[in-house]
Amino acid sequence: MKKRISQGPAKSLVEKAEIALRQAVAGVIRDHRRLGEPFAIWRDGRVVMVSPDRSEERRVGKECRSRW
């Protein structure tokens, strides 16, 4: 039997899912910025194409954090 190494307090499934989603969003933004392609987000009840420049990346990151 393998012993599990504790890395601090156990995280709930919800916390783990939120971390995974944040990492996925960051990866998509990073890939689209690298390729110079816009990406789609949901803003004010509609889909919006966002330019991959850094100022938009920070804004989108804040929007994602405020929703969770």
PDB file of N, CA and C in Angstrom:
ATOM      1  N   MET A   1       0.828  -1.168   0.000  1.00  0.00           N
ATOM      2  CA  MET A   1       0.000   0.000   0.000  1.00  0.00           C
ATOM      3  C   MET A   1       0.883   1.247   0.000  1.00  0.00           C
ATOM      4  N   LYS A   2       0.569   2.195  -0.897  1.00  0.00           N
ATOM      5  CA  LYS A   2       1.346   3.432  -0.959  1.00  0.00           C
ATOM      6  C   LYS A   2       0.880   4.393   0.116  1.00  0.00           C
ATOM      7  N   LYS A   3       1.842   5.096   0.664  1.00  0.00           N
ATOM      8  CA  LYS A   3       1.524   6.094   1.664  1.00  0.00           C
ATOM      9  C   LYS A   3       1.316   7.436   0.975  1.00  0.00           C
ATOM     10  N   ARG A   4       0.277   8.121   1.333  1.00  0.00           N
ATOM     11  CA  ARG A   4      -0.010   9.425   0.748  1.00  0.00           C
ATOM     12  C   ARG A   4       0.730  10.498   1.546  1.00  0.00           C
ATOM     13  N   ILE A   5       1.446  11.369   0.832  1.00  0.00           N
ATOM     14  CA  ILE A   5       2.168  12.451   1.488  1.00  0.00           C
ATOM     15  C   ILE A   5       1.232  13.649   1.586  1.00  0.00           C
ATOM     16  N   SER A   6       1.037  14.133   2.784  1.00  0.00           N
ATOM     17  CA  SER A   6       0.139  15.262   2.994  1.00  0.00           C
ATOM     18  C   SER A   6       0.809  16.554   2.555  1.00  0.00           C
ATOM     19  N   GLN A   7       0.057  17.380   1.847  1.00  0.00           N
ATOM     20  CA  GLN A   7       0.569  18.677   1.404  1.00  0.00           C
ATOM     21  C   GLN A   7      -0.311  19.778   1.971  1.00  0.00           C
ATOM     22  N   GLY A   8      -0.537  19.758   3.251  1.00  0.00           N
ATOM     23  CA  GLY A   8      -1.388  20.751   3.889  1.00  0.00           C
ATOM     24  C   GLY A   8      -2.797  20.229   4.029  1.00  0.00           C
ATOM     25  N   PRO A   9      -3.721  21.138   4.343  1.00  0.00           N
ATOM     26  CA  PRO A   9      -5.111  20.713   4.539  1.00  0.00           C
ATOM     27  C   PRO A   9      -5.716  20.154   3.255  1.00  0.00           C
ATOM     28  N   ALA A  10      -6.570  19.152   3.414  1.00  0.00           N
ATOM     29  CA  ALA A  10      -7.213  18.532   2.255  1.00  0.00           C
ATOM     30  C   ALA A  10      -8.134  19.539   1.582  1.00  0.00           C
ATOM     31  N   LYS A  11      -8.142  19.516   0.249  1.00  0.00           N
ATOM     32  CA  LYS A  11      -8.993  20.422  -0.511  1.00  0.00           C
ATOM     33  C   LYS A  11     -10.261  19.687  -0.909  1.00  0.00           C
ATOM     34  N   SER A  12     -11.354  20.441  -0.921  1.00  0.00           N
ATOM     35  CA  SER A  12     -12.617  19.848  -1.335  1.00  0.00           C
ATOM     36  C   SER A  12     -12.608  19.650  -2.842  1.00  0.00           C
ATOM     37  N   LEU A  13     -13.540  18.852  -3.307  1.00  0.00           N
ATOM     38  CA  LEU A  13     -13.664  18.612  -4.739  1.00  0.00           C
ATOM     39  C   LEU A  13     -13.945  19.920  -5.484  1.00  0.00           C
ATOM     40  N   VAL A  14     -14.737  20.780  -4.884  1.00  0.00           N
ATOM     41  CA  VAL A  14     -15.059  22.073  -5.493  1.00  0.00           C
ATOM     42  C   VAL A  14     -13.796  22.914  -5.652  1.00  0.00           C
ATOM     43  N   GLU A  15     -12.963  22.946  -4.620  1.00  0.00           N
ATOM     44  CA  GLU A  15     -11.718  23.710  -4.691  1.00  0.00           C
ATOM     45  C   GLU A  15     -10.790  23.149  -5.765  1.00  0.00           C
ATOM     46  N   LYS A  16     -10.704  21.831  -5.843  1.00  0.00           N
ATOM     47  CA  LYS A  16      -9.865  21.206  -6.863  1.00  0.00           C
ATOM     48  C   LYS A  16     -10.376  21.523  -8.263  1.00  0.00           C
ATOM     49  N   ALA A  17     -11.703  21.497  -8.443  1.00  0.00           N
ATOM     50  CA  ALA A  17     -12.294  21.804  -9.746  1.00  0.00           C
ATOM     51  C   ALA A  17     -12.027  23.253 -10.125  1.00  0.00           C
ATOM     52  N   GLU A  18     -12.154  24.161  -9.163  1.00  0.00           N
ATOM     53  CA  GLU A  18     -11.903  25.575  -9.431  1.00  0.00           C
ATOM     54  C   GLU A  18     -10.453  25.807  -9.846  1.00  0.00           C
ATOM     55  N   ILE A  19      -9.528  25.159  -9.178  1.00  0.00           N
ATOM     56  CA  ILE A  19      -8.107  25.280  -9.526  1.00  0.00           C
ATOM     57  C   ILE A  19      -7.869  24.762 -10.941  1.00  0.00           C
ATOM     58  N   ALA A  20      -8.458  23.616 -11.257  1.00  0.00           N
ATOM     59  CA  ALA A  20      -8.287  23.036 -12.596  1.00  0.00           C
ATOM     60  C   ALA A  20      -8.859  23.960 -13.677  1.00  0.00           C
ATOM     61  N   LEU A  21     -10.018  24.555 -13.418  1.00  0.00           N
ATOM     62  CA  LEU A  21     -10.624  25.471 -14.395  1.00  0.00           C
ATOM     63  C   LEU A  21      -9.768  26.720 -14.588  1.00  0.00           C
ATOM     64  N   ARG A  22      -9.252  27.267 -13.492  1.00  0.00           N
ATOM     65  CA  ARG A  22      -8.388  28.449 -13.604  1.00  0.00           C
ATOM     66  C   ARG A  22      -7.131  28.134 -14.424  1.00  0.00           C
ATOM     67  N   GLN A  23      -6.549  26.970 -14.182  1.00  0.00           N
ATOM     68  CA  GLN A  23      -5.358  26.575 -14.932  1.00  0.00           C
ATOM     69  C   GLN A  23      -5.682  26.389 -16.408  1.00  0.00           C
ATOM     70  N   ALA A  24      -6.846  25.829 -16.703  1.00  0.00           N
ATOM     71  CA  ALA A  24      -7.252  25.631 -18.097  1.00  0.00           C
ATOM     72  C   ALA A  24      -7.455  26.970 -18.796  1.00  0.00           C
ATOM     73  N   VAL A  25      -8.118  27.904 -18.136  1.00  0.00           N
ATOM     74  CA  VAL A  25      -8.342  29.235 -18.719  1.00  0.00           C
ATOM     75  C   VAL A  25      -7.006  29.931 -18.962  1.00  0.00           C
ATOM     76  N   ALA A  26      -6.110  29.854 -17.994  1.00  0.00           N
ATOM     77  CA  ALA A  26      -4.793  30.479 -18.154  1.00  0.00           C
ATOM     78  C   ALA A  26      -4.047  29.869 -19.336  1.00  0.00           C
ATOM     79  N   GLY A  27      -4.152  28.552 -19.507  1.00  0.00           N
ATOM     80  CA  GLY A  27      -3.491  27.887 -20.634  1.00  0.00           C
ATOM     81  C   GLY A  27      -4.063  28.315 -21.964  1.00  0.00           C
ATOM     82  N   VAL A  28      -5.382  28.455 -22.045  1.00  0.00           N
ATOM     83  CA  VAL A  28      -6.016  28.900 -23.299  1.00  0.00           C
ATOM     84  C   VAL A  28      -5.571  30.318 -23.636  1.00  0.00           C
ATOM     85  N   ILE A  29      -5.586  31.202 -22.645  1.00  0.00           N
ATOM     86  CA  ILE A  29      -5.165  32.586 -22.883  1.00  0.00           C
ATOM     87  C   ILE A  29      -3.711  32.616 -23.333  1.00  0.00           C
ATOM     88  N   ARG A  30      -2.869  31.840 -22.674  1.00  0.00           N
ATOM     89  CA  ARG A  30      -1.441  31.795 -23.021  1.00  0.00           C
ATOM     90  C   ARG A  30      -1.250  31.300 -24.459  1.00  0.00           C
ATOM     91  N   ASP A  31      -1.964  30.235 -24.831  1.00  0.00           N
ATOM     92  CA  ASP A  31      -1.840  29.689 -26.187  1.00  0.00           C
ATOM     93  C   ASP A  31      -2.331  30.677 -27.241  1.00  0.00           C
ATOM     94  N   HIS A  32      -3.461  31.301 -26.982  1.00  0.00           N
ATOM     95  CA  HIS A  32      -4.004  32.253 -27.950  1.00  0.00           C
ATOM     96  C   HIS A  32      -3.104  33.475 -28.075  1.00  0.00           C
ATOM     97  N   ARG A  33      -2.530  33.930 -26.967  1.00  0.00           N
ATOM     98  CA  ARG A  33      -1.608  35.070 -27.032  1.00  0.00           C
ATOM     99  C   ARG A  33      -0.372  34.703 -27.846  1.00  0.00           C
ATOM    100  N   ARG A  34       0.134  33.496 -27.613  1.00  0.00           N
ATOM    101  CA  ARG A  34       1.328  33.050 -28.350  1.00  0.00           C
ATOM    102  C   ARG A  34       1.057  32.991 -29.850  1.00  0.00           C
ATOM    103  N   LEU A  35      -0.159  32.550 -30.213  1.00  0.00           N
ATOM    104  CA  LEU A  35      -0.521  32.433 -31.626  1.00  0.00           C
ATOM    105  C   LEU A  35      -1.070  33.736 -32.209  1.00  0.00           C
ATOM    106  N   GLY A  36      -1.335  34.716 -31.342  1.00  0.00           N
ATOM    107  CA  GLY A  36      -1.878  35.989 -31.802  1.00  0.00           C
ATOM    108  C   GLY A  36      -3.329  35.909 -32.241  1.00  0.00           C
ATOM    109  N   GLU A  37      -4.061  34.948 -31.712  1.00  0.00           N
ATOM    110  CA  GLU A  37      -5.462  34.765 -32.095  1.00  0.00           C
ATOM    111  C   GLU A  37      -6.380  35.224 -30.969  1.00  0.00           C
ATOM    112  N   PRO A  38      -7.507  35.848 -31.305  1.00  0.00           N
ATOM    113  CA  PRO A  38      -8.472  36.221 -30.265  1.00  0.00           C
ATOM    114  C   PRO A  38      -9.147  34.981 -29.683  1.00  0.00           C
ATOM    115  N   PHE A  39      -9.713  35.125 -28.490  1.00  0.00           N
ATOM    116  CA  PHE A  39     -10.435  34.017 -27.876  1.00  0.00           C
ATOM    117  C   PHE A  39     -11.795  34.519 -27.416  1.00  0.00           C
ATOM    118  N   ALA A  40     -12.719  33.606 -27.226  1.00  0.00           N
ATOM    119  CA  ALA A  40     -14.090  33.957 -26.875  1.00  0.00           C
ATOM    120  C   ALA A  40     -14.319  33.830 -25.374  1.00  0.00           C
ATOM    121  N   ILE A  41     -15.037  34.814 -24.824  1.00  0.00           N
ATOM    122  CA  ILE A  41     -15.462  34.757 -23.422  1.00  0.00           C
ATOM    123  C   ILE A  41     -16.929  35.160 -23.352  1.00  0.00           C
ATOM    124  N   TRP A  42     -17.547  34.916 -22.205  1.00  0.00           N
ATOM    125  CA  TRP A  42     -18.926  35.312 -21.970  1.00  0.00           C
ATOM    126  C   TRP A  42     -18.877  36.590 -21.146  1.00  0.00           C
ATOM    127  N   ARG A  43     -19.440  37.689 -21.672  1.00  0.00           N
ATOM    128  CA  ARG A  43     -19.425  38.969 -20.970  1.00  0.00           C
ATOM    129  C   ARG A  43     -20.777  39.651 -21.149  1.00  0.00           C
ATOM    130  N   ASP A  44     -21.397  40.025 -20.055  1.00  0.00           N
ATOM    131  CA  ASP A  44     -22.677  40.746 -20.075  1.00  0.00           C
ATOM    132  C   ASP A  44     -23.746  40.021 -20.893  1.00  0.00           C
ATOM    133  N   GLY A  45     -23.820  38.710 -20.742  1.00  0.00           N
ATOM    134  CA  GLY A  45     -24.876  37.949 -21.391  1.00  0.00           C
ATOM    135  C   GLY A  45     -24.660  37.631 -22.851  1.00  0.00           C
ATOM    136  N   ARG A  46     -23.450  37.857 -23.361  1.00  0.00           N
ATOM    137  CA  ARG A  46     -23.171  37.506 -24.756  1.00  0.00           C
ATOM    138  C   ARG A  46     -21.708  37.084 -24.931  1.00  0.00           C
ATOM    139  N   VAL A  47     -21.472  36.412 -26.028  1.00  0.00           N
ATOM    140  CA  VAL A  47     -20.114  35.968 -26.345  1.00  0.00           C
ATOM    141  C   VAL A  47     -19.355  37.128 -26.961  1.00  0.00           C
ATOM    142  N   VAL A  48     -18.129  37.356 -26.477  1.00  0.00           N
ATOM    143  CA  VAL A  48     -17.290  38.449 -26.955  1.00  0.00           C
ATOM    144  C   VAL A  48     -15.934  37.881 -27.355  1.00  0.00           C
ATOM    145  N   MET A  49     -15.437  38.289 -28.508  1.00  0.00           N
ATOM    146  CA  MET A  49     -14.086  37.907 -28.928  1.00  0.00           C
ATOM    147  C   MET A  49     -13.111  38.913 -28.326  1.00  0.00           C
ATOM    148  N   VAL A  50     -12.067  38.401 -27.670  1.00  0.00           N
ATOM    149  CA  VAL A  50     -11.119  39.235 -26.952  1.00  0.00           C
ATOM    150  C   VAL A  50      -9.755  39.152 -27.611  1.00  0.00           C
ATOM    151  N   SER A  51      -9.141  40.318 -27.787  1.00  0.00           N
ATOM    152  CA  SER A  51      -7.789  40.380 -28.320  1.00  0.00           C
ATOM    153  C   SER A  51      -6.832  39.771 -27.298  1.00  0.00           C
ATOM    154  N   PRO A  52      -5.819  39.053 -27.754  1.00  0.00           N
ATOM    155  CA  PRO A  52      -4.931  38.366 -26.801  1.00  0.00           C
ATOM    156  C   PRO A  52      -3.830  39.241 -26.198  1.00  0.00           C
ATOM    157  N   ASP A  53      -3.976  40.577 -26.221  1.00  0.00           N
ATOM    158  CA  ASP A  53      -2.922  41.402 -25.625  1.00  0.00           C
ATOM    159  C   ASP A  53      -2.964  41.299 -24.101  1.00  0.00           C
ATOM    160  N   ARG A  54      -1.913  41.706 -23.449  1.00  0.00           N
ATOM    161  CA  ARG A  54      -1.775  41.506 -22.003  1.00  0.00           C
ATOM    162  C   ARG A  54      -2.820  42.253 -21.180  1.00  0.00           C
ATOM    163  N   SER A  55      -3.224  43.454 -21.573  1.00  0.00           N
ATOM    164  CA  SER A  55      -4.205  44.200 -20.785  1.00  0.00           C
ATOM    165  C   SER A  55      -5.531  43.447 -20.744  1.00  0.00           C
ATOM    166  N   GLU A  56      -5.941  42.866 -21.853  1.00  0.00           N
ATOM    167  CA  GLU A  56      -7.177  42.087 -21.880  1.00  0.00           C
ATOM    168  C   GLU A  56      -7.025  40.820 -21.056  1.00  0.00           C
ATOM    169  N   GLU A  57      -5.854  40.231 -21.072  1.00  0.00           N
ATOM    170  CA  GLU A  57      -5.629  39.002 -20.305  1.00  0.00           C
ATOM    171  C   GLU A  57      -5.861  39.254 -18.822  1.00  0.00           C
ATOM    172  N   ARG A  58      -5.344  40.353 -18.307  1.00  0.00           N
ATOM    173  CA  ARG A  58      -5.540  40.669 -16.884  1.00  0.00           C
ATOM    174  C   ARG A  58      -7.010  40.925 -16.593  1.00  0.00           C
ATOM    175  N   ARG A  59      -7.680  41.628 -17.500  1.00  0.00           N
ATOM    176  CA  ARG A  59      -9.102  41.924 -17.304  1.00  0.00           C
ATOM    177  C   ARG A  59      -9.929  40.641 -17.291  1.00  0.00           C
ATOM    178  N   VAL A  60      -9.665  39.746 -18.228  1.00  0.00           N
ATOM    179  CA  VAL A  60     -10.393  38.482 -18.296  1.00  0.00           C
ATOM    180  C   VAL A  60     -10.107  37.659 -17.048  1.00  0.00           C
ATOM    181  N   GLY A  61      -8.865  37.650 -16.598  1.00  0.00           N
ATOM    182  CA  GLY A  61      -8.521  36.921 -15.380  1.00  0.00           C
ATOM    183  C   GLY A  61      -9.314  37.425 -14.180  1.00  0.00           C
ATOM    184  N   LYS A  62      -9.464  38.750 -14.067  1.00  0.00           N
ATOM    185  CA  LYS A  62     -10.245  39.321 -12.975  1.00  0.00           C
ATOM    186  C   LYS A  62     -11.709  38.929 -13.102  1.00  0.00           C
ATOM    187  N   GLU A  63     -12.243  38.937 -14.312  1.00  0.00           N
ATOM    188  CA  GLU A  63     -13.642  38.541 -14.507  1.00  0.00           C
ATOM    189  C   GLU A  63     -13.857  37.095 -14.092  1.00  0.00           C
ATOM    190  N   CYS A  64     -12.923  36.225 -14.439  1.00  0.00           N
ATOM    191  CA  CYS A  64     -13.047  34.809 -14.075  1.00  0.00           C
ATOM    192  C   CYS A  64     -13.014  34.642 -12.562  1.00  0.00           C
ATOM    193  N   ARG A  65     -12.111  35.363 -11.896  1.00  0.00           N
ATOM    194  CA  ARG A  65     -12.013  35.236 -10.440  1.00  0.00           C
ATOM    195  C   ARG A  65     -13.280  35.757  -9.760  1.00  0.00           C
ATOM    196  N   SER A  66     -13.868  36.832 -10.286  1.00  0.00           N
ATOM    197  CA  SER A  66     -15.039  37.408  -9.627  1.00  0.00           C
ATOM    198  C   SER A  66     -16.260  36.508  -9.764  1.00  0.00           C
ATOM    199  N   ARG A  67     -16.298  35.644 -10.757  1.00  0.00           N
ATOM    200  CA  ARG A  67     -17.449  34.776 -10.948  1.00  0.00           C
ATOM    201  C   ARG A  67     -17.415  33.577 -10.005  1.00  0.00           C
ATOM    202  N   TRP A  68     -16.224  33.186  -9.500  1.00  0.00           N
ATOM    203  CA  TRP A  68     -16.135  32.003  -8.635  1.00  0.00           C
ATOM    204  C   TRP A  68     -16.027  32.461  -7.250  1.00  0.00           C
TER     205      TRP A  68
END
